Amino acid sequence: MPDKVCSLDEAIVHVRAGDAVHVVTNHTRWTAGARHLVRHWWGRDPGFTLVMLSLSSLGALFFRGGLVAKVVTGYSGDVFPNFSPNPWFASAYLDGSVDIEHWSFLTFLQRLEAAARGLPAVTTSSLAGSSMADNPGYARVVTPFGEVGMLEAYAPDITLLHAPIGDRQGNLAFNAPGLEGVWGALAARRAAQDQRFAGAMDERIERPGFLAGAAG
């Protein structure tokens, strides 16, 4: 099988100006790939749509570098040492330089899962009665079984995620706790074009067959 390990410089060439870049929020989200992407595009105004369940300090780097035109998120703020507003997000939203689309954590993940499964939409009981019901990806639909909320599937162009261990064939192993899981990686649009660039940053690269043996 081909060796899929590459350098960060080789990895980020898959990211194009205007892309929807999904940075997966799991227990380990502070990826070298996301930071390297910020360094590469710093000050060059690529107009990314930043897709992050929770922005926090890593998301702030994308704002400070002028990389973001729009954000799709469930939370815009800091989480450490406690939950608090972040001035970079607040000022960008208030002056209109960055568009914001907020979703509940549940619906953010439901939309990614729908795209990963190849579905155009998915039902939800969330959002009704909230301001997020005005989002363009949400609709109320009358069915023979009653009115239901529907979410449009969402597929990012590129997904960056962190795995504690992987092998040279591109197999990955993840550890709990997992907040988002891997739906964003499975939903990435480049699947048909580039054999899916879900950029995975591994802490440890193992020999071929190691993960298959461990799983057994």
N, C-alpha and C. Protein backbone atom coordinates (compact mmCIF):
# COMPACT_ATOMS: atom_id res chain seq x y z
N MET A 1 0.84 -1.20 0.00
CA MET A 1 0.00 0.00 0.00
C MET A 1 0.87 1.24 0.00
N PRO A 2 0.41 2.35 -0.63
CA PRO A 2 1.23 3.56 -0.70
C PRO A 2 1.42 4.21 0.67
N ASP A 3 2.57 4.85 0.83
CA ASP A 3 2.87 5.57 2.06
C ASP A 3 2.17 6.93 2.00
N LYS A 4 1.28 7.21 2.95
CA LYS A 4 0.49 8.44 2.94
C LYS A 4 1.02 9.51 3.89
N VAL A 5 2.14 9.25 4.53
CA VAL A 5 2.72 10.25 5.43
C VAL A 5 3.37 11.35 4.61
N CYS A 6 3.11 12.60 4.97
CA CYS A 6 3.71 13.73 4.27
C CYS A 6 4.03 14.83 5.27
N SER A 7 4.80 15.81 4.83
CA SER A 7 5.14 16.94 5.69
C SER A 7 3.96 17.90 5.78
N LEU A 8 4.00 18.81 6.75
CA LEU A 8 2.95 19.82 6.86
C LEU A 8 2.90 20.71 5.63
N ASP A 9 4.06 21.04 5.08
CA ASP A 9 4.10 21.87 3.87
C ASP A 9 3.39 21.17 2.72
N GLU A 10 3.61 19.87 2.59
CA GLU A 10 2.95 19.11 1.52
C GLU A 10 1.44 18.99 1.78
N ALA A 11 1.06 18.90 3.03
CA ALA A 11 -0.35 18.72 3.37
C ALA A 11 -1.17 19.97 3.07
N ILE A 12 -0.67 21.14 3.42
CA ILE A 12 -1.50 22.34 3.32
C ILE A 12 -1.68 22.84 1.89
N VAL A 13 -0.95 22.28 0.92
CA VAL A 13 -1.19 22.71 -0.47
C VAL A 13 -2.57 22.26 -0.93
N HIS A 14 -3.20 21.33 -0.22
CA HIS A 14 -4.55 20.90 -0.56
C HIS A 14 -5.58 21.97 -0.22
N VAL A 15 -5.22 22.91 0.64
CA VAL A 15 -6.16 23.94 1.08
C VAL A 15 -6.10 25.12 0.11
N ARG A 16 -7.26 25.54 -0.37
CA ARG A 16 -7.35 26.59 -1.38
C ARG A 16 -8.06 27.81 -0.82
N ALA A 17 -7.75 28.97 -1.35
CA ALA A 17 -8.45 30.19 -0.96
C ALA A 17 -9.95 29.99 -1.19
N GLY A 18 -10.74 30.46 -0.23
CA GLY A 18 -12.19 30.33 -0.32
C GLY A 18 -12.75 29.05 0.24
N ASP A 19 -11.89 28.14 0.70
CA ASP A 19 -12.34 26.86 1.23
C ASP A 19 -13.12 27.01 2.54
N ALA A 20 -14.03 26.07 2.76
CA ALA A 20 -14.62 25.88 4.09
C ALA A 20 -13.73 24.90 4.83
N VAL A 21 -13.01 25.39 5.83
CA VAL A 21 -12.02 24.60 6.56
C VAL A 21 -12.59 24.20 7.91
N HIS A 22 -12.75 22.90 8.09
CA HIS A 22 -13.30 22.38 9.34
C HIS A 22 -12.17 21.90 10.24
N VAL A 23 -12.01 22.52 11.39
CA VAL A 23 -11.04 22.09 12.39
C VAL A 23 -11.81 21.32 13.46
N VAL A 24 -11.59 20.01 13.52
CA VAL A 24 -12.38 19.15 14.40
C VAL A 24 -12.10 19.46 15.86
N THR A 25 -13.17 19.57 16.64
CA THR A 25 -13.08 19.81 18.07
C THR A 25 -13.31 18.51 18.81
N ASN A 26 -12.24 17.81 19.10
CA ASN A 26 -12.30 16.64 19.97
C ASN A 26 -11.50 16.95 21.23
N HIS A 27 -11.20 15.95 22.01
CA HIS A 27 -10.43 16.19 23.23
C HIS A 27 -9.06 16.79 22.89
N THR A 28 -8.49 16.41 21.74
CA THR A 28 -7.22 16.97 21.28
C THR A 28 -7.47 17.68 19.97
N ARG A 29 -7.62 19.00 20.00
CA ARG A 29 -7.91 19.75 18.79
C ARG A 29 -6.79 20.71 18.40
N TRP A 30 -5.78 20.85 19.24
CA TRP A 30 -4.76 21.87 18.98
C TRP A 30 -3.75 21.31 17.97
N THR A 31 -4.16 21.23 16.73
CA THR A 31 -3.39 20.52 15.73
C THR A 31 -2.26 21.37 15.17
N ALA A 32 -1.15 20.70 14.91
CA ALA A 32 -0.04 21.34 14.21
C ALA A 32 -0.48 21.79 12.82
N GLY A 33 -1.36 21.01 12.20
CA GLY A 33 -1.82 21.35 10.86
C GLY A 33 -2.57 22.67 10.81
N ALA A 34 -3.45 22.90 11.79
CA ALA A 34 -4.21 24.15 11.82
C ALA A 34 -3.28 25.34 12.01
N ARG A 35 -2.33 25.21 12.89
CA ARG A 35 -1.39 26.31 13.12
C ARG A 35 -0.50 26.55 11.90
N HIS A 36 -0.10 25.48 11.24
CA HIS A 36 0.73 25.64 10.04
C HIS A 36 -0.07 26.29 8.92
N LEU A 37 -1.33 25.95 8.84
CA LEU A 37 -2.21 26.58 7.84
C LEU A 37 -2.31 28.08 8.09
N VAL A 38 -2.45 28.46 9.36
CA VAL A 38 -2.51 29.89 9.70
C VAL A 38 -1.21 30.58 9.31
N ARG A 39 -0.07 29.99 9.62
CA ARG A 39 1.21 30.61 9.25
C ARG A 39 1.33 30.79 7.74
N HIS A 40 0.90 29.79 7.00
CA HIS A 40 1.03 29.83 5.53
C HIS A 40 0.19 30.94 4.91
N TRP A 41 -1.03 31.16 5.44
CA TRP A 41 -1.95 32.13 4.84
C TRP A 41 -2.01 33.45 5.60
N TRP A 42 -1.19 33.65 6.60
CA TRP A 42 -1.24 34.84 7.45
C TRP A 42 -1.18 36.13 6.61
N GLY A 43 -2.16 36.99 6.79
CA GLY A 43 -2.17 38.28 6.12
C GLY A 43 -2.47 38.24 4.64
N ARG A 44 -2.85 37.10 4.08
CA ARG A 44 -3.06 36.98 2.64
C ARG A 44 -4.54 36.96 2.25
N ASP A 45 -5.43 37.07 3.23
CA ASP A 45 -6.87 37.18 2.99
C ASP A 45 -7.41 36.08 2.08
N PRO A 46 -7.31 34.80 2.49
CA PRO A 46 -7.82 33.71 1.66
C PRO A 46 -9.34 33.57 1.69
N GLY A 47 -10.00 34.28 2.60
CA GLY A 47 -11.47 34.24 2.63
C GLY A 47 -12.03 32.89 3.03
N PHE A 48 -11.42 32.23 4.02
CA PHE A 48 -11.90 30.93 4.47
C PHE A 48 -13.24 31.06 5.19
N THR A 49 -14.04 30.01 5.09
CA THR A 49 -15.13 29.79 6.03
C THR A 49 -14.57 28.85 7.09
N LEU A 50 -14.46 29.33 8.32
CA LEU A 50 -13.91 28.54 9.42
C LEU A 50 -15.04 27.78 10.08
N VAL A 51 -14.97 26.47 10.04
CA VAL A 51 -16.00 25.60 10.61
C VAL A 51 -15.42 24.95 11.87
N MET A 52 -15.85 25.42 13.03
CA MET A 52 -15.36 24.90 14.30
C MET A 52 -16.51 24.87 15.30
N LEU A 53 -16.71 23.73 15.92
CA LEU A 53 -17.79 23.62 16.91
C LEU A 53 -17.62 24.64 18.02
N SER A 54 -16.37 24.84 18.48
CA SER A 54 -16.05 25.80 19.53
C SER A 54 -14.76 26.51 19.12
N LEU A 55 -14.80 27.83 18.99
CA LEU A 55 -13.65 28.55 18.43
C LEU A 55 -12.46 28.61 19.38
N SER A 56 -12.63 29.22 20.53
CA SER A 56 -11.58 29.35 21.54
C SER A 56 -10.31 29.98 20.96
N SER A 57 -9.18 29.75 21.62
CA SER A 57 -7.94 30.45 21.25
C SER A 57 -7.38 30.00 19.90
N LEU A 58 -7.63 28.75 19.51
CA LEU A 58 -7.15 28.30 18.21
C LEU A 58 -7.88 29.03 17.09
N GLY A 59 -9.17 29.20 17.23
CA GLY A 59 -9.93 29.95 16.24
C GLY A 59 -9.50 31.40 16.15
N ALA A 60 -9.06 31.96 17.29
CA ALA A 60 -8.62 33.36 17.31
C ALA A 60 -7.42 33.58 16.40
N LEU A 61 -6.57 32.58 16.21
CA LEU A 61 -5.42 32.72 15.32
C LEU A 61 -5.88 32.98 13.89
N PHE A 62 -6.94 32.32 13.45
CA PHE A 62 -7.46 32.54 12.11
C PHE A 62 -7.99 33.96 11.95
N PHE A 63 -8.59 34.50 13.01
CA PHE A 63 -9.09 35.87 12.98
C PHE A 63 -7.94 36.86 12.95
N ARG A 64 -6.97 36.66 13.82
CA ARG A 64 -5.85 37.60 13.93
C ARG A 64 -5.03 37.65 12.65
N GLY A 65 -4.96 36.53 11.94
CA GLY A 65 -4.20 36.49 10.69
C GLY A 65 -4.96 36.97 9.48
N GLY A 66 -6.23 37.33 9.66
CA GLY A 66 -7.03 37.83 8.54
C GLY A 66 -7.39 36.74 7.55
N LEU A 67 -7.62 35.52 8.04
CA LEU A 67 -7.89 34.39 7.16
C LEU A 67 -9.38 34.13 6.94
N VAL A 68 -10.25 34.77 7.74
CA VAL A 68 -11.64 34.33 7.83
C VAL A 68 -12.61 35.35 7.22
N ALA A 69 -13.51 34.82 6.37
CA ALA A 69 -14.61 35.64 5.85
C ALA A 69 -15.92 35.29 6.53
N LYS A 70 -16.04 34.03 6.96
CA LYS A 70 -17.28 33.56 7.59
C LYS A 70 -16.94 32.48 8.60
N VAL A 71 -17.77 32.38 9.63
CA VAL A 71 -17.61 31.35 10.65
C VAL A 71 -18.90 30.56 10.78
N VAL A 72 -18.77 29.23 10.86
CA VAL A 72 -19.88 28.35 11.21
C VAL A 72 -19.49 27.67 12.52
N THR A 73 -20.23 27.91 13.59
CA THR A 73 -19.79 27.46 14.91
C THR A 73 -20.96 27.28 15.86
N GLY A 74 -20.66 26.69 17.01
CA GLY A 74 -21.63 26.59 18.08
C GLY A 74 -21.28 27.48 19.26
N TYR A 75 -20.04 27.98 19.29
CA TYR A 75 -19.61 28.80 20.42
C TYR A 75 -18.46 29.72 19.98
N SER A 76 -18.64 31.01 20.21
CA SER A 76 -17.61 32.00 19.90
C SER A 76 -17.11 32.60 21.20
N GLY A 77 -16.01 32.08 21.71
CA GLY A 77 -15.47 32.60 22.95
C GLY A 77 -14.31 31.74 23.42
N ASP A 78 -13.75 32.10 24.57
CA ASP A 78 -12.66 31.32 25.17
C ASP A 78 -13.24 30.29 26.13
N VAL A 79 -12.47 29.23 26.39
CA VAL A 79 -12.91 28.20 27.33
C VAL A 79 -11.95 28.01 28.50
N PHE A 80 -10.74 28.57 28.39
CA PHE A 80 -9.76 28.42 29.46
C PHE A 80 -9.19 29.78 29.83
N PRO A 81 -9.09 30.10 31.10
CA PRO A 81 -9.36 29.25 32.28
C PRO A 81 -10.85 29.14 32.62
N ASN A 82 -11.69 29.96 31.95
CA ASN A 82 -13.13 29.80 32.12
C ASN A 82 -13.81 30.33 30.86
N PHE A 83 -15.09 30.07 30.72
CA PHE A 83 -15.83 30.52 29.55
C PHE A 83 -16.00 32.04 29.60
N SER A 84 -15.55 32.71 28.55
CA SER A 84 -15.57 34.17 28.54
C SER A 84 -15.56 34.68 27.11
N PRO A 85 -15.98 35.93 26.89
CA PRO A 85 -15.95 36.52 25.55
C PRO A 85 -14.51 36.66 25.04
N ASN A 86 -14.37 36.65 23.73
CA ASN A 86 -13.07 36.87 23.11
C ASN A 86 -13.15 38.14 22.26
N PRO A 87 -12.27 39.12 22.49
CA PRO A 87 -12.38 40.40 21.77
C PRO A 87 -12.17 40.29 20.28
N TRP A 88 -11.38 39.31 19.81
CA TRP A 88 -11.17 39.15 18.36
C TRP A 88 -12.45 38.74 17.66
N PHE A 89 -13.19 37.82 18.25
CA PHE A 89 -14.45 37.40 17.65
C PHE A 89 -15.47 38.53 17.73
N ALA A 90 -15.59 39.13 18.91
CA ALA A 90 -16.60 40.16 19.11
C ALA A 90 -16.42 41.34 18.16
N SER A 91 -15.19 41.83 18.02
CA SER A 91 -14.96 42.99 17.16
C SER A 91 -15.21 42.66 15.69
N ALA A 92 -14.83 41.45 15.25
CA ALA A 92 -15.04 41.06 13.85
C ALA A 92 -16.52 40.93 13.52
N TYR A 93 -17.30 40.41 14.47
CA TYR A 93 -18.74 40.28 14.24
C TYR A 93 -19.41 41.65 14.24
N LEU A 94 -19.00 42.50 15.17
CA LEU A 94 -19.65 43.81 15.29
C LEU A 94 -19.34 44.73 14.11
N ASP A 95 -18.09 44.67 13.59
CA ASP A 95 -17.78 45.56 12.47
C ASP A 95 -18.13 44.94 11.11
N GLY A 96 -18.63 43.71 11.11
CA GLY A 96 -19.09 43.08 9.88
C GLY A 96 -18.00 42.49 9.01
N SER A 97 -16.77 42.45 9.49
CA SER A 97 -15.69 41.92 8.65
C SER A 97 -15.75 40.39 8.54
N VAL A 98 -16.43 39.74 9.50
CA VAL A 98 -16.62 38.29 9.46
C VAL A 98 -18.10 37.99 9.67
N ASP A 99 -18.68 37.20 8.77
CA ASP A 99 -20.06 36.76 8.92
C ASP A 99 -20.10 35.59 9.90
N ILE A 100 -21.19 35.48 10.66
CA ILE A 100 -21.29 34.45 11.68
C ILE A 100 -22.58 33.67 11.48
N GLU A 101 -22.47 32.35 11.53
CA GLU A 101 -23.63 31.46 11.48
C GLU A 101 -23.53 30.52 12.68
N HIS A 102 -24.35 30.77 13.68
CA HIS A 102 -24.34 29.97 14.91
C HIS A 102 -25.34 28.83 14.82
N TRP A 103 -24.93 27.66 15.33
CA TRP A 103 -25.80 26.49 15.42
C TRP A 103 -25.69 25.92 16.83
N SER A 104 -26.69 25.15 17.24
CA SER A 104 -26.52 24.39 18.48
C SER A 104 -25.47 23.31 18.22
N PHE A 105 -24.87 22.83 19.30
CA PHE A 105 -23.87 21.76 19.14
C PHE A 105 -24.49 20.54 18.44
N LEU A 106 -25.72 20.21 18.82
CA LEU A 106 -26.38 19.05 18.21
C LEU A 106 -26.54 19.23 16.70
N THR A 107 -27.10 20.36 16.27
CA THR A 107 -27.38 20.53 14.85
C THR A 107 -26.10 20.71 14.03
N PHE A 108 -25.08 21.31 14.62
CA PHE A 108 -23.78 21.41 13.94
C PHE A 108 -23.31 20.01 13.54
N LEU A 109 -23.39 19.06 14.47
CA LEU A 109 -22.92 17.70 14.21
C LEU A 109 -23.89 16.93 13.33
N GLN A 110 -25.18 17.16 13.49
CA GLN A 110 -26.15 16.47 12.65
C GLN A 110 -25.96 16.80 11.17
N ARG A 111 -25.63 18.04 10.87
CA ARG A 111 -25.44 18.44 9.47
C ARG A 111 -24.21 17.76 8.87
N LEU A 112 -23.13 17.66 9.64
CA LEU A 112 -21.94 16.96 9.17
C LEU A 112 -22.22 15.47 8.96
N GLU A 113 -22.94 14.88 9.90
CA GLU A 113 -23.25 13.45 9.77
C GLU A 113 -24.11 13.18 8.53
N ALA A 114 -25.08 14.06 8.28
CA ALA A 114 -25.92 13.89 7.09
C ALA A 114 -25.08 13.91 5.81
N ALA A 115 -24.13 14.86 5.74
CA ALA A 115 -23.27 14.94 4.55
C ALA A 115 -22.40 13.69 4.43
N ALA A 116 -21.88 13.21 5.56
CA ALA A 116 -21.04 12.02 5.54
C ALA A 116 -21.82 10.80 5.06
N ARG A 117 -23.09 10.76 5.36
CA ARG A 117 -23.93 9.63 4.96
C ARG A 117 -24.51 9.80 3.56
N GLY A 118 -24.20 10.91 2.91
CA GLY A 118 -24.72 11.14 1.57
C GLY A 118 -26.17 11.56 1.52
N LEU A 119 -26.68 12.11 2.62
CA LEU A 119 -28.07 12.55 2.69
C LEU A 119 -28.17 14.05 2.40
N PRO A 120 -29.23 14.49 1.75
CA PRO A 120 -29.38 15.94 1.51
C PRO A 120 -29.81 16.70 2.75
N ALA A 121 -30.46 16.01 3.69
CA ALA A 121 -30.98 16.67 4.89
C ALA A 121 -31.24 15.62 5.96
N VAL A 122 -31.51 16.11 7.18
CA VAL A 122 -31.79 15.23 8.31
C VAL A 122 -32.79 15.92 9.23
N THR A 123 -33.62 15.15 9.91
CA THR A 123 -34.59 15.73 10.83
C THR A 123 -33.95 16.10 12.15
N THR A 124 -34.55 17.08 12.82
CA THR A 124 -34.07 17.49 14.14
C THR A 124 -35.22 18.06 14.95
N SER A 125 -35.13 17.90 16.26
CA SER A 125 -36.09 18.55 17.15
C SER A 125 -35.50 19.79 17.79
N SER A 126 -34.29 20.15 17.40
CA SER A 126 -33.60 21.32 17.94
C SER A 126 -33.97 22.57 17.14
N LEU A 127 -33.62 23.72 17.68
CA LEU A 127 -33.68 25.05 17.05
C LEU A 127 -35.06 25.70 17.04
N ALA A 128 -36.16 24.93 17.04
CA ALA A 128 -37.49 25.54 16.94
C ALA A 128 -37.69 26.55 18.06
N GLY A 129 -38.13 27.74 17.70
CA GLY A 129 -38.38 28.79 18.67
C GLY A 129 -37.18 29.63 19.02
N SER A 130 -36.01 29.30 18.45
CA SER A 130 -34.81 30.09 18.71
C SER A 130 -34.46 30.94 17.49
N SER A 131 -33.55 31.90 17.67
CA SER A 131 -33.12 32.74 16.54
C SER A 131 -32.39 31.91 15.49
N MET A 132 -31.81 30.77 15.89
CA MET A 132 -31.10 29.92 14.93
C MET A 132 -32.03 29.26 13.93
N ALA A 133 -33.33 29.28 14.22
CA ALA A 133 -34.30 28.75 13.26
C ALA A 133 -34.35 29.59 11.99
N ASP A 134 -33.77 30.79 12.03
CA ASP A 134 -33.70 31.64 10.83
C ASP A 134 -32.50 31.31 9.95
N ASN A 135 -31.64 30.41 10.39
CA ASN A 135 -30.49 30.03 9.57
C ASN A 135 -30.95 29.44 8.24
N PRO A 136 -30.24 29.73 7.15
CA PRO A 136 -30.66 29.24 5.84
C PRO A 136 -30.64 27.72 5.71
N GLY A 137 -29.91 27.01 6.58
CA GLY A 137 -29.86 25.56 6.50
C GLY A 137 -30.91 24.85 7.32
N TYR A 138 -31.92 25.59 7.79
CA TYR A 138 -32.98 25.00 8.62
C TYR A 138 -34.34 25.34 8.02
N ALA A 139 -35.27 24.37 8.08
CA ALA A 139 -36.62 24.60 7.57
C ALA A 139 -37.60 23.73 8.35
N ARG A 140 -38.84 24.19 8.44
CA ARG A 140 -39.93 23.38 8.97
C ARG A 140 -40.68 22.79 7.79
N VAL A 141 -40.90 21.49 7.83
CA VAL A 141 -41.51 20.78 6.71
C VAL A 141 -42.72 20.00 7.19
N VAL A 142 -43.83 20.12 6.46
CA VAL A 142 -45.04 19.37 6.78
C VAL A 142 -44.97 18.00 6.12
N THR A 143 -45.10 16.96 6.92
CA THR A 143 -45.07 15.58 6.43
C THR A 143 -46.37 14.88 6.81
N PRO A 144 -46.62 13.69 6.25
CA PRO A 144 -47.82 12.93 6.67
C PRO A 144 -47.82 12.57 8.15
N PHE A 145 -46.64 12.69 8.78
CA PHE A 145 -46.52 12.32 10.19
C PHE A 145 -46.48 13.54 11.12
N GLY A 146 -46.68 14.72 10.55
CA GLY A 146 -46.62 15.94 11.32
C GLY A 146 -45.50 16.84 10.84
N GLU A 147 -45.44 18.05 11.39
CA GLU A 147 -44.40 19.00 11.00
C GLU A 147 -43.09 18.66 11.70
N VAL A 148 -42.00 18.68 10.94
CA VAL A 148 -40.69 18.37 11.50
C VAL A 148 -39.67 19.43 11.11
N GLY A 149 -38.64 19.56 11.93
CA GLY A 149 -37.53 20.43 11.58
C GLY A 149 -36.54 19.68 10.70
N MET A 150 -36.04 20.35 9.67
CA MET A 150 -35.09 19.73 8.74
C MET A 150 -33.82 20.56 8.67
N LEU A 151 -32.69 19.87 8.65
CA LEU A 151 -31.38 20.51 8.52
C LEU A 151 -30.76 20.12 7.20
N GLU A 152 -30.25 21.10 6.48
CA GLU A 152 -29.50 20.81 5.26
C GLU A 152 -28.14 20.22 5.62
N ALA A 153 -27.74 19.18 4.91
CA ALA A 153 -26.41 18.59 5.14
C ALA A 153 -25.33 19.63 4.87
N TYR A 154 -24.22 19.52 5.60
CA TYR A 154 -23.12 20.47 5.41
C TYR A 154 -21.82 19.70 5.21
N ALA A 155 -21.17 19.96 4.09
CA ALA A 155 -19.90 19.30 3.77
C ALA A 155 -18.80 20.34 3.64
N PRO A 156 -17.83 20.34 4.56
CA PRO A 156 -16.68 21.25 4.42
C PRO A 156 -15.81 20.82 3.25
N ASP A 157 -15.00 21.74 2.74
CA ASP A 157 -14.06 21.37 1.69
C ASP A 157 -12.91 20.55 2.25
N ILE A 158 -12.42 20.99 3.39
CA ILE A 158 -11.23 20.39 4.02
C ILE A 158 -11.51 20.15 5.50
N THR A 159 -11.05 19.04 6.02
CA THR A 159 -11.17 18.78 7.45
C THR A 159 -9.80 18.48 8.05
N LEU A 160 -9.50 19.15 9.16
CA LEU A 160 -8.27 18.90 9.91
C LEU A 160 -8.63 18.25 11.23
N LEU A 161 -7.98 17.14 11.54
CA LEU A 161 -8.25 16.49 12.82
C LEU A 161 -6.97 15.89 13.39
N HIS A 162 -7.01 15.65 14.68
CA HIS A 162 -5.85 15.14 15.40
C HIS A 162 -6.13 13.72 15.87
N ALA A 163 -5.17 12.83 15.63
CA ALA A 163 -5.27 11.45 16.12
C ALA A 163 -4.02 11.14 16.93
N PRO A 164 -4.16 10.43 18.05
CA PRO A 164 -2.97 10.11 18.86
C PRO A 164 -2.05 9.10 18.19
N ILE A 165 -2.60 8.31 17.26
CA ILE A 165 -1.77 7.28 16.63
C ILE A 165 -2.30 6.96 15.23
N GLY A 166 -1.39 6.68 14.30
CA GLY A 166 -1.77 6.31 12.95
C GLY A 166 -0.67 5.48 12.33
N ASP A 167 -0.93 4.97 11.12
CA ASP A 167 0.12 4.24 10.42
C ASP A 167 0.36 4.88 9.06
N ARG A 168 1.33 4.38 8.32
CA ARG A 168 1.73 4.99 7.06
C ARG A 168 0.72 4.76 5.93
N GLN A 169 -0.25 3.92 6.16
CA GLN A 169 -1.29 3.69 5.16
C GLN A 169 -2.50 4.61 5.37
N GLY A 170 -2.42 5.47 6.37
CA GLY A 170 -3.50 6.43 6.60
C GLY A 170 -4.58 5.97 7.56
N ASN A 171 -4.38 4.80 8.20
CA ASN A 171 -5.33 4.35 9.22
C ASN A 171 -5.07 5.10 10.53
N LEU A 172 -6.15 5.46 11.22
CA LEU A 172 -6.05 6.27 12.43
C LEU A 172 -6.78 5.61 13.58
N ALA A 173 -6.31 5.87 14.78
CA ALA A 173 -7.00 5.43 15.99
C ALA A 173 -7.27 6.65 16.86
N PHE A 174 -8.47 6.71 17.44
CA PHE A 174 -8.87 7.85 18.26
C PHE A 174 -9.19 7.38 19.67
N ASN A 175 -9.02 8.29 20.61
CA ASN A 175 -9.28 7.97 22.01
C ASN A 175 -10.39 8.83 22.57
N ALA A 176 -11.08 8.29 23.54
CA ALA A 176 -12.11 9.07 24.24
C ALA A 176 -11.45 10.08 25.17
N PRO A 177 -12.15 11.20 25.52
CA PRO A 177 -13.49 11.52 25.06
C PRO A 177 -13.49 12.15 23.67
N GLY A 178 -14.47 11.78 22.86
CA GLY A 178 -14.59 12.36 21.52
C GLY A 178 -15.82 13.23 21.45
N LEU A 179 -15.63 14.49 21.20
CA LEU A 179 -16.76 15.42 21.15
C LEU A 179 -17.46 15.35 19.79
N GLU A 180 -16.73 15.64 18.72
CA GLU A 180 -17.32 15.61 17.39
C GLU A 180 -17.24 14.23 16.75
N GLY A 181 -16.21 13.47 17.05
CA GLY A 181 -15.99 12.25 16.30
C GLY A 181 -15.38 12.57 14.94
N VAL A 182 -15.70 11.76 13.93
CA VAL A 182 -15.03 11.89 12.63
C VAL A 182 -15.99 12.23 11.49
N TRP A 183 -17.21 12.66 11.81
CA TRP A 183 -18.17 12.94 10.73
C TRP A 183 -17.66 14.01 9.78
N GLY A 184 -16.99 15.03 10.29
CA GLY A 184 -16.49 16.09 9.42
C GLY A 184 -15.47 15.58 8.42
N ALA A 185 -14.62 14.65 8.85
CA ALA A 185 -13.63 14.07 7.95
C ALA A 185 -14.31 13.24 6.87
N LEU A 186 -15.34 12.48 7.27
CA LEU A 186 -16.05 11.65 6.30
C LEU A 186 -16.90 12.49 5.34
N ALA A 187 -17.23 13.71 5.75
CA ALA A 187 -18.07 14.57 4.92
C ALA A 187 -17.29 15.46 3.97
N ALA A 188 -15.96 15.55 4.11
CA ALA A 188 -15.15 16.52 3.34
C ALA A 188 -15.39 16.39 1.84
N ARG A 189 -15.60 17.52 1.17
CA ARG A 189 -15.95 17.53 -0.25
C ARG A 189 -14.86 16.95 -1.15
N ARG A 190 -13.61 17.07 -0.76
CA ARG A 190 -12.54 16.62 -1.63
C ARG A 190 -12.50 15.10 -1.79
N ALA A 191 -13.45 14.40 -1.16
CA ALA A 191 -13.45 12.94 -1.23
C ALA A 191 -13.41 12.45 -2.68
N ALA A 192 -14.18 13.09 -3.53
CA ALA A 192 -14.25 12.64 -4.92
C ALA A 192 -13.07 13.15 -5.74
N GLN A 193 -12.49 14.27 -5.32
CA GLN A 193 -11.46 14.91 -6.14
C GLN A 193 -10.05 14.52 -5.73
N ASP A 194 -9.78 14.45 -4.44
CA ASP A 194 -8.41 14.22 -3.97
C ASP A 194 -8.32 13.02 -3.03
N GLN A 195 -9.22 12.04 -3.17
CA GLN A 195 -9.26 10.91 -2.24
C GLN A 195 -9.40 11.41 -0.80
N ARG A 196 -10.19 12.39 -0.64
CA ARG A 196 -10.49 13.06 0.63
C ARG A 196 -9.25 13.54 1.35
N PHE A 197 -9.05 14.86 1.36
CA PHE A 197 -7.98 15.40 2.22
C PHE A 197 -8.59 15.72 3.57
N ALA A 198 -8.55 14.76 4.43
CA ALA A 198 -8.86 14.99 5.83
C ALA A 198 -7.50 14.96 6.51
N GLY A 199 -6.92 16.13 6.70
CA GLY A 199 -5.55 16.21 7.18
C GLY A 199 -5.44 15.75 8.62
N ALA A 200 -4.82 14.61 8.82
CA ALA A 200 -4.71 14.05 10.16
C ALA A 200 -3.30 14.24 10.69
N MET A 201 -3.20 14.85 11.87
CA MET A 201 -1.92 15.03 12.53
C MET A 201 -1.78 13.98 13.61
N ASP A 202 -0.81 13.09 13.47
CA ASP A 202 -0.64 11.98 14.40
C ASP A 202 0.51 12.26 15.36
N GLU A 203 0.33 11.86 16.62
CA GLU A 203 1.41 11.96 17.59
C GLU A 203 2.45 10.87 17.37
N ARG A 204 1.99 9.71 16.86
CA ARG A 204 2.88 8.58 16.69
C ARG A 204 2.54 7.83 15.40
N ILE A 205 3.53 7.55 14.60
CA ILE A 205 3.35 6.79 13.36
C ILE A 205 3.86 5.37 13.59
N GLU A 206 2.99 4.39 13.38
CA GLU A 206 3.36 3.01 13.62
C GLU A 206 3.62 2.26 12.31
N ARG A 207 4.19 1.08 12.42
CA ARG A 207 4.51 0.23 11.27
C ARG A 207 3.22 -0.23 10.60
N PRO A 208 3.27 -0.62 9.32
CA PRO A 208 2.10 -1.17 8.64
C PRO A 208 1.55 -2.39 9.38
N GLY A 209 0.25 -2.44 9.50
CA GLY A 209 -0.39 -3.57 10.15
C GLY A 209 -0.53 -3.44 11.65
N PHE A 210 0.10 -2.44 12.26
CA PHE A 210 0.06 -2.32 13.72
C PHE A 210 -1.36 -2.11 14.21
N LEU A 211 -2.11 -1.17 13.57
CA LEU A 211 -3.46 -0.87 14.04
C LEU A 211 -4.41 -2.03 13.82
N ALA A 212 -4.23 -2.76 12.71
CA ALA A 212 -5.08 -3.92 12.47
C ALA A 212 -4.85 -4.97 13.55
N GLY A 213 -3.61 -5.15 13.95
CA GLY A 213 -3.31 -6.10 15.01
C GLY A 213 -3.84 -5.66 16.35
N ALA A 214 -3.76 -4.36 16.61
CA ALA A 214 -4.26 -3.84 17.89
C ALA A 214 -5.77 -3.97 17.97
N ALA A 215 -6.44 -3.74 16.82
CA ALA A 215 -7.90 -3.84 16.80
C ALA A 215 -8.35 -5.27 17.01
N GLY A 216 -7.55 -6.23 16.56
CA GLY A 216 -7.91 -7.63 16.72
C GLY A 216 -7.72 -8.08 18.14
